Protein backbone atom coordinates (compact mmCIF):
# COMPACT_ATOMS: atom_id res chain seq x y z
CA MET A 1 17.31 117.80 17.66
CA TYR A 2 19.46 117.19 14.64
CA TYR A 3 16.85 116.67 11.93
CA PRO A 4 15.67 119.86 10.22
CA LEU A 5 11.97 120.50 9.73
CA SER A 6 10.45 121.13 6.34
CA ALA A 7 8.11 124.08 5.83
CA LEU A 8 5.22 121.64 5.45
CA LEU A 9 5.96 120.02 8.80
CA ILE A 10 6.22 123.47 10.39
CA GLU A 11 2.78 124.23 8.93
CA CYS A 12 1.44 121.05 10.55
CA LEU A 13 2.97 122.03 13.89
CA ILE A 14 1.56 125.56 13.70
CA LEU A 15 -1.94 124.32 12.87
CA SER A 16 -1.71 121.76 15.69
CA ILE A 17 -0.63 124.41 18.20
CA VAL A 18 -3.35 126.85 17.17
CA LYS A 19 -5.98 124.09 17.25
CA GLU A 20 -5.28 123.65 20.97
CA HIS A 21 -5.67 127.38 21.67
CA ASP A 22 -5.45 130.68 19.82
CA SER A 23 -1.86 131.80 19.99
CA TYR A 24 0.54 134.57 19.01
CA GLY A 25 3.78 134.27 17.05
CA TYR A 26 6.25 134.20 19.92
CA ASP A 27 4.25 131.54 21.77
CA ILE A 28 4.06 129.43 18.61
CA SER A 29 7.81 129.77 18.04
CA GLN A 30 8.61 128.75 21.62
CA THR A 31 6.51 125.60 21.29
CA ILE A 32 8.15 124.65 17.98
CA LYS A 33 11.60 125.32 19.50
CA GLN A 34 10.97 122.34 21.78
CA VAL A 35 11.64 120.13 18.75
CA ALA A 36 13.54 122.32 16.30
CA SER A 37 15.49 125.48 15.92
CA ILE A 38 13.28 127.98 14.12
CA LYS A 39 13.86 131.64 13.40
CA GLU A 40 11.24 134.35 13.17
CA SER A 41 12.33 134.90 9.57
CA THR A 42 11.11 131.35 8.89
CA LEU A 43 8.00 131.34 11.08
CA TYR A 44 6.25 134.56 10.10
CA PRO A 45 6.19 133.95 6.34
CA ILE A 46 4.62 130.53 7.01
CA LEU A 47 2.03 132.11 9.33
CA LYS A 48 1.25 134.68 6.62
CA ARG A 49 0.92 131.94 3.99
CA LEU A 50 -1.45 129.95 6.23
CA GLU A 51 -3.52 133.08 6.79
CA GLN A 52 -3.66 133.88 3.07
CA ALA A 53 -4.70 130.29 2.33
CA GLY A 54 -7.62 130.68 4.72
CA TYR A 55 -6.31 128.17 7.27
CA LEU A 56 -5.76 130.78 9.97
CA THR A 57 -7.52 133.96 10.89
CA THR A 58 -6.09 136.71 13.07
CA TYR A 59 -7.27 139.17 15.67
CA SER A 60 -5.52 141.66 17.94
CA GLN A 61 -5.69 141.69 21.71
CA ALA A 62 -4.12 144.01 24.28
CA TYR A 63 -1.57 142.53 26.66
CA ASN A 64 0.55 144.59 29.11
CA ASN A 65 0.06 147.85 27.19
CA ARG A 66 0.95 146.13 23.92
CA THR A 67 -1.12 144.61 21.17
CA ARG A 68 -0.59 140.99 20.25
CA LYS A 69 -1.68 139.43 16.98
CA TYR A 70 -3.38 136.12 17.72
CA TYR A 71 -3.90 133.31 15.24
CA ALA A 72 -7.01 131.11 15.28
CA LEU A 73 -7.77 127.98 13.26
CA THR A 74 -10.50 128.17 10.64
CA ASP A 75 -12.68 125.30 9.44
CA ALA A 76 -10.49 125.06 6.33
CA GLY A 77 -7.44 125.02 8.62
CA GLU A 78 -8.87 122.14 10.59
CA LYS A 79 -9.39 120.16 7.38
CA GLN A 80 -5.84 120.96 6.27
CA LEU A 81 -4.52 119.88 9.66
CA LEU A 82 -6.30 116.51 9.39
CA TYR A 83 -4.80 116.06 5.92
CA LEU A 84 -1.28 116.96 7.12
CA GLN A 85 -1.59 114.73 10.19
CA ASN A 86 -2.51 111.78 7.98
CA GLU A 87 0.38 112.54 5.62
CA TRP A 88 2.73 112.78 8.62
CA ARG A 89 1.61 109.41 9.99
CA GLU A 90 2.19 107.72 6.63
CA TYR A 91 5.61 109.37 6.27
CA ARG A 92 6.61 108.57 9.86
CA ASP A 93 5.50 104.95 9.52
CA ALA A 94 7.44 104.52 6.26
CA ILE A 95 10.57 106.00 7.84
CA ASP A 96 10.15 103.77 10.92
CA ARG A 97 9.83 100.67 8.71
CA ILE A 98 13.08 101.52 6.96
CA ILE A 99 14.98 102.42 10.13
CA GLU A 100 13.70 99.39 12.01
CA GLY A 101 14.66 97.13 9.10
CA SER A 102 11.20 95.82 8.22
CA GLU A 103 11.07 97.51 4.82
CA HIS A 104 12.05 95.14 2.04
CA HIS A 105 14.22 96.89 -0.52
CA ASP A 106 13.31 94.49 -3.30
CA GLU A 107 9.52 94.93 -3.05
CA GLY A 108 8.01 96.41 -6.14
CA LEU A 109 11.12 95.88 -8.25
């Protein structure tokens, strides 16, 4: 897709993915890559920030003789996700109104 994602939208996607099931970084990146090009250098700092904010918690689990770091959604993360989903809907709806031509440019002037 052509449109770049903001860090805030990536946060919303990450929280949405982890809400469905605990996940590890590579799995999260592959899901996000379905809609946008994202590099690990972008993803991991956002995951760290979400963890530091208390929205995600982590645990390690063995997989094929390796240890994976899994991310899980916290209660605070679920509240943040609901907030971001609502913000996304309002943003998306406003964009759709403009693109579809139903937004009046002279309103509020």
